[in-house]
C-alpha atoms as a PDB file:
ATOM      1  CA  MET A   1     122.752  59.113 108.273  1.00  0.00           C
ATOM      2  CA  ASN A   2     120.211  57.038 106.673  1.00  0.00           C
ATOM      3  CA  ILE A   3     116.639  57.668 105.826  1.00  0.00           C
ATOM      4  CA  PHE A   4     114.962  56.732 108.989  1.00  0.00           C
ATOM      5  CA  GLU A   5     117.206  58.937 111.178  1.00  0.00           C
ATOM      6  CA  PHE A   6     116.519  61.582 108.651  1.00  0.00           C
ATOM      7  CA  ILE A   7     112.921  61.198 109.081  1.00  0.00           C
ATOM      8  CA  LYS A   8     112.627  60.410 112.715  1.00  0.00           C
ATOM      9  CA  ASN A   9     114.447  63.647 113.180  1.00  0.00           C
ATOM     10  CA  ARG A  10     112.301  65.683 111.249  1.00  0.00           C
ATOM     11  CA  LEU A  11     109.292  64.213 113.124  1.00  0.00           C
ATOM     12  CA  GLN A  12     110.530  65.453 116.165  1.00  0.00           C
ATOM     13  CA  GLY A  13     110.821  69.058 115.287  1.00  0.00           C
ATOM     14  CA  GLU A  14     113.107  71.498 116.635  1.00  0.00           C
ATOM     15  CA  GLU A  15     115.436  70.820 119.287  1.00  0.00           C
ATOM     16  CA  PRO A  16     114.573  72.904 122.632  1.00  0.00           C
ATOM     17  CA  LEU A  17     116.146  75.880 123.000  1.00  0.00           C
ATOM     18  CA  ARG A  18     119.140  75.757 125.593  1.00  0.00           C
ATOM     19  CA  PRO A  19     119.729  77.912 128.345  1.00  0.00           C
ATOM     20  CA  LEU A  20     123.010  79.654 126.422  1.00  0.00           C
ATOM     21  CA  GLU A  21     120.522  80.682 123.465  1.00  0.00           C
ATOM     22  CA  ARG A  22     118.100  82.128 125.867  1.00  0.00           C
ATOM     23  CA  VAL A  23     120.731  84.203 127.292  1.00  0.00           C
ATOM     24  CA  LEU A  24     122.099  85.342 123.928  1.00  0.00           C
ATOM     25  CA  ALA A  25     118.942  86.067 122.758  1.00  0.00           C
ATOM     26  CA  LYS A  26     118.279  88.673 125.652  1.00  0.00           C
ATOM     27  CA  ARG A  27     121.467  89.985 125.524  1.00  0.00           C
ATOM     28  CA  TRP A  28     120.842  90.741 121.841  1.00  0.00           C
ATOM     29  CA  VAL A  29     117.719  92.423 122.317  1.00  0.00           C
ATOM     30  CA  LYS A  30     118.959  94.454 124.956  1.00  0.00           C
ATOM     31  CA  GLU A  31     121.879  95.809 122.749  1.00  0.00           C
ATOM     32  CA  ARG A  32     119.225  96.821 120.454  1.00  0.00           C
ATOM     33  CA  LEU A  33     117.263  98.567 123.031  1.00  0.00           C
ATOM     34  CA  LYS A  34     120.350 100.573 123.909  1.00  0.00           C
ATOM     35  CA  ARG A  35     121.153 101.669 120.369  1.00  0.00           C
ATOM     36  CA  MET A  36     117.452 102.653 120.008  1.00  0.00           C
ATOM     37  CA  TYR A  37     117.474 104.345 123.321  1.00  0.00           C
ATOM     38  CA  PRO A  38     120.880 105.683 124.530  1.00  0.00           C
ATOM     39  CA  GLU A  39     119.132 106.837 127.862  1.00  0.00           C
ATOM     40  CA  LEU A  40     118.606 103.261 128.685  1.00  0.00           C
ATOM     41  CA  ARG A  41     122.452 102.666 128.582  1.00  0.00           C
ATOM     42  CA  GLN A  42     123.335 104.123 132.189  1.00  0.00           C
ATOM     43  CA  ASP A  43     120.028 102.569 133.848  1.00  0.00           C
ATOM     44  CA  PRO A  44     119.984  98.621 133.995  1.00  0.00           C
ATOM     45  CA  ARG A  45     117.085  98.697 135.921  1.00  0.00           C
ATOM     46  CA  ALA A  46     115.009 100.750 133.233  1.00  0.00           C
ATOM     47  CA  LEU A  47     116.607  98.777 130.229  1.00  0.00           C
ATOM     48  CA  GLU A  48     115.024  95.651 132.212  1.00  0.00           C
ATOM     49  CA  VAL A  49     111.890  96.979 132.527  1.00  0.00           C
ATOM     50  CA  MET A  50     111.968  98.041 128.545  1.00  0.00           C
ATOM     51  CA  TYR A  51     112.787  94.607 128.003  1.00  0.00           C
ATOM     52  CA  GLN A  52     110.040  92.831 129.900  1.00  0.00           C
ATOM     53  CA  SER A  53     107.084  95.621 128.241  1.00  0.00           C
ATOM     54  CA  LEU A  54     108.192  93.984 125.512  1.00  0.00           C
ATOM     55  CA  SER A  55     107.014  90.274 126.378  1.00  0.00           C
ATOM     56  CA  LEU A  56     109.488  88.938 124.089  1.00  0.00           C
ATOM     57  CA  GLU A  57     109.944  85.321 125.874  1.00  0.00           C
ATOM     58  CA  PRO A  58     110.205  82.242 123.871  1.00  0.00           C
ATOM     59  CA  ARG A  59     107.172  80.173 123.221  1.00  0.00           C
ATOM     60  CA  GLU A  60     108.840  76.687 122.686  1.00  0.00           C
ATOM     61  CA  GLY A  61     106.680  74.362 120.140  1.00  0.00           C
ATOM     62  CA  CYS A  62     104.302  76.980 119.311  1.00  0.00           C
ATOM     63  CA  GLY A  63     106.187  77.832 115.810  1.00  0.00           C
ATOM     64  CA  GLU A  64     106.003  75.470 112.775  1.00  0.00           C
ATOM     65  CA  GLY A  65     107.240  72.076 113.128  1.00  0.00           C
ATOM     66  CA  GLY A  66     107.087  72.572 116.942  1.00  0.00           C
ATOM     67  CA  ALA A  67     109.952  75.405 116.715  1.00  0.00           C
ATOM     68  CA  VAL A  68     110.704  78.092 119.210  1.00  0.00           C
ATOM     69  CA  LEU A  69     108.411  81.150 118.396  1.00  0.00           C
ATOM     70  CA  PHE A  70     109.326  84.933 119.932  1.00  0.00           C
ATOM     71  CA  GLU A  71     106.671  86.865 119.895  1.00  0.00           C
ATOM     72  CA  ILE A  72     106.537  90.699 120.719  1.00  0.00           C
ATOM     73  CA  VAL A  73     103.576  92.004 122.305  1.00  0.00           C
ATOM     74  CA  LEU A  74     103.437  95.899 122.197  1.00  0.00           C
ATOM     75  CA  PRO A  75     102.393  97.696 125.363  1.00  0.00           C
ATOM     76  CA  GLY A  76      99.393  99.994 124.890  1.00  0.00           C
ATOM     77  CA  LYS A  77      97.121 100.460 121.650  1.00  0.00           C
ATOM     78  CA  ILE A  78      98.670 101.059 118.517  1.00  0.00           C
ATOM     79  CA  GLU A  79      96.631 103.766 116.032  1.00  0.00           C
END
């Protein structure tokens, strides 16, 4: 790789998130939720509701240099 290709790649930012990476990220989060809340292991509908309540969706281009940013928004107020 020459210097011009390197600079071009750095200016373009991160590659967009691939569909497989999205699936793997969602699966990892759901596995963590199952470990934290064992009652969700037998209830896939409740697990999906819990996942959706986190509002954990990738926001492409929001991170530093156009990288993908994952943001967690907790439901309700934190005291």
